[in-house]
Amino acid sequence: MVIASDLEGGRVVEVAVSDLSPLYRDSALVRLTRHATISPVAAHFLDILQEEAARTGLLTTRTS
C-alpha cells in the first residue's frame, strides 16, 4: 500500500471515527468458462493482489 510506509514510519496516524461504519471494497475474478486459462501477466497480477490482501488481513476466498 502506498500509505503503509508512512503509517509505519509515524509520518501519518490512523484516526478512528466512532460513528462511521467500516469501508469495504469487494473484488471478484469472473471467468465465463470454468476451465478458461488466464494470461501469465494476469496470473502474476492476481498473485500480487493475493499477497497484499493476505499481508493486510483482507484475504477471503469464496468458490462457487
C-alpha atoms as a PDB file:
ATOM      1  CA  MET A   1       0.000   0.000   0.000  1.00  0.00           C
ATOM      2  CA  VAL A   2       1.139   3.495  -0.696  1.00  0.00           C
ATOM      3  CA  ILE A   3       0.306   4.778   2.799  1.00  0.00           C
ATOM      4  CA  ALA A   4       1.659   1.750   4.702  1.00  0.00           C
ATOM      5  CA  SER A   5       5.232   3.037   4.905  1.00  0.00           C
ATOM      6  CA  ASP A   6       4.016   6.428   6.156  1.00  0.00           C
ATOM      7  CA  LEU A   7       1.923   4.728   8.853  1.00  0.00           C
ATOM      8  CA  GLU A   8       4.831   2.518   9.885  1.00  0.00           C
ATOM      9  CA  GLY A   9       7.203   5.487   9.927  1.00  0.00           C
ATOM     10  CA  GLY A  10       4.875   7.568  12.094  1.00  0.00           C
ATOM     11  CA  ARG A  11       4.531  10.311   9.484  1.00  0.00           C
ATOM     12  CA  VAL A  12       0.752   9.842   9.485  1.00  0.00           C
ATOM     13  CA  VAL A  13      -1.582   8.275  12.022  1.00  0.00           C
ATOM     14  CA  GLU A  14      -4.835   6.368  11.791  1.00  0.00           C
ATOM     15  CA  VAL A  15      -7.806   8.250  13.201  1.00  0.00           C
ATOM     16  CA  ALA A  16     -10.723   6.085  14.333  1.00  0.00           C
ATOM     17  CA  VAL A  17     -14.136   7.632  13.702  1.00  0.00           C
ATOM     18  CA  SER A  18     -16.608   6.200  16.194  1.00  0.00           C
ATOM     19  CA  ASP A  19     -19.800   6.709  14.206  1.00  0.00           C
ATOM     20  CA  LEU A  20     -18.516   5.689  10.771  1.00  0.00           C
ATOM     21  CA  SER A  21     -19.145   2.165   9.512  1.00  0.00           C
ATOM     22  CA  PRO A  22     -16.105   0.327   8.131  1.00  0.00           C
ATOM     23  CA  LEU A  23     -15.478   0.873   4.419  1.00  0.00           C
ATOM     24  CA  TYR A  24     -15.261  -2.188   2.192  1.00  0.00           C
ATOM     25  CA  ARG A  25     -14.454  -2.760  -1.445  1.00  0.00           C
ATOM     26  CA  ASP A  26     -15.153  -6.199  -2.865  1.00  0.00           C
ATOM     27  CA  SER A  27     -13.394  -7.569  -5.927  1.00  0.00           C
ATOM     28  CA  ALA A  28     -14.011 -10.686  -7.932  1.00  0.00           C
ATOM     29  CA  LEU A  29     -12.342 -12.514 -10.779  1.00  0.00           C
ATOM     30  CA  VAL A  30     -15.024 -13.803 -13.109  1.00  0.00           C
ATOM     31  CA  ARG A  31     -14.413 -16.172 -15.995  1.00  0.00           C
ATOM     32  CA  LEU A  32     -17.072 -17.229 -18.473  1.00  0.00           C
ATOM     33  CA  THR A  33     -15.710 -20.768 -18.711  1.00  0.00           C
ATOM     34  CA  ARG A  34     -14.664 -22.758 -15.657  1.00  0.00           C
ATOM     35  CA  HIS A  35     -11.609 -24.192 -17.408  1.00  0.00           C
ATOM     36  CA  ALA A  36     -10.566 -20.987 -19.179  1.00  0.00           C
ATOM     37  CA  THR A  37      -6.942 -20.026 -18.668  1.00  0.00           C
ATOM     38  CA  ILE A  38      -5.666 -16.567 -17.902  1.00  0.00           C
ATOM     39  CA  SER A  39      -2.524 -14.999 -19.281  1.00  0.00           C
ATOM     40  CA  PRO A  40       0.748 -15.224 -17.337  1.00  0.00           C
ATOM     41  CA  VAL A  41       0.600 -11.446 -16.757  1.00  0.00           C
ATOM     42  CA  ALA A  42      -2.911 -11.703 -15.314  1.00  0.00           C
ATOM     43  CA  ALA A  43      -1.849 -14.656 -13.133  1.00  0.00           C
ATOM     44  CA  HIS A  44       1.118 -12.660 -11.793  1.00  0.00           C
ATOM     45  CA  PHE A  45      -1.147  -9.687 -11.075  1.00  0.00           C
ATOM     46  CA  LEU A  46      -3.533 -11.957  -9.153  1.00  0.00           C
ATOM     47  CA  ASP A  47      -0.608 -13.367  -7.144  1.00  0.00           C
ATOM     48  CA  ILE A  48       0.404  -9.841  -6.150  1.00  0.00           C
ATOM     49  CA  LEU A  49      -3.176  -8.975  -5.165  1.00  0.00           C
ATOM     50  CA  GLN A  50      -3.472 -12.121  -3.052  1.00  0.00           C
ATOM     51  CA  GLU A  51      -0.144 -11.479  -1.313  1.00  0.00           C
ATOM     52  CA  GLU A  52      -1.139  -7.899  -0.475  1.00  0.00           C
ATOM     53  CA  ALA A  53      -4.582  -8.967   0.721  1.00  0.00           C
ATOM     54  CA  ALA A  54      -3.069 -11.681   2.914  1.00  0.00           C
ATOM     55  CA  ARG A  55      -0.469  -9.254   4.289  1.00  0.00           C
ATOM     56  CA  THR A  56      -3.116  -6.736   5.259  1.00  0.00           C
ATOM     57  CA  GLY A  57      -5.599  -9.293   6.601  1.00  0.00           C
ATOM     58  CA  LEU A  58      -8.117  -8.714   3.828  1.00  0.00           C
ATOM     59  CA  LEU A  59      -7.864 -12.062   2.055  1.00  0.00           C
ATOM     60  CA  THR A  60     -11.055 -14.063   1.858  1.00  0.00           C
ATOM     61  CA  THR A  61     -11.808 -16.664  -0.761  1.00  0.00           C
ATOM     62  CA  ARG A  62     -15.110 -17.966  -1.968  1.00  0.00           C
ATOM     63  CA  THR A  63     -15.582 -20.677  -4.560  1.00  0.00           C
ATOM     64  CA  SER A  64     -18.899 -21.324  -6.245  1.00  0.00           C
END
